[in-house]
């Protein structure tokens, strides 16, 4: 957690307090699901912001996948004013409906969710094998071990975590789905952020067998913030 107990955010009329939410919530900033630490309305409005979404500042950020390109923060209001109808995140293939980062130079613009832009570039899976973040599955015969597909949607190939040997391959989007859309059962979510603990149901056993549990934790930790 950031340590800032209360804030006033321009998107809401009441003070927001920092809490650890043990159940899923929908962030009113990025419009994505979250779990764990967030800023919540003190007056019991159904209003939540991911911790990092609440503290985002205007400005730009870069990403190693995109050379000579800056990503600028935009909120939903600025997109509505620009007349933009539908935006798709190049990392996960899902619609972008709220806070986002959009490329300053490419046309059409490259759009990314906040948490997708800040994914760790590498990590170790359950088998101790290092997996690295890539823009797409490089070999057409290789598929994500969870969804058994090479793409995350008709429009988007999606980013993947891939081991050097090619044996382990996971869409970043599949890790998100595992957490938020398949009844993933994290115990002591707040403790997970610092200790990596947590157990799951039948689907978490599947994830463990695939070596996916640690990757889910990386994505979950970004969604906690």
Foldseek 3Di string as FASTA:
>chain_A
DPPPQWDDAPVDDAIWGWDFAQDWAQAPAFRHIAGTIWTHGPVPDSHTHQPVSRVDDWDWDDAPVDPPKTWTKDFQVVCVVVVDDWDAAQAQRDTGRTIWTWIDDDVVIHIHRPLSRPFDQWDAFLVRFIWGKDSFPPDCVAAAPPPRHRANDPVYSHIWTAGPVRPHIHRLNVLVCLPPPPQFFFDPLNVCLPPVDGDGDPSVVVCVVSSNSVSNSSSNNSRND
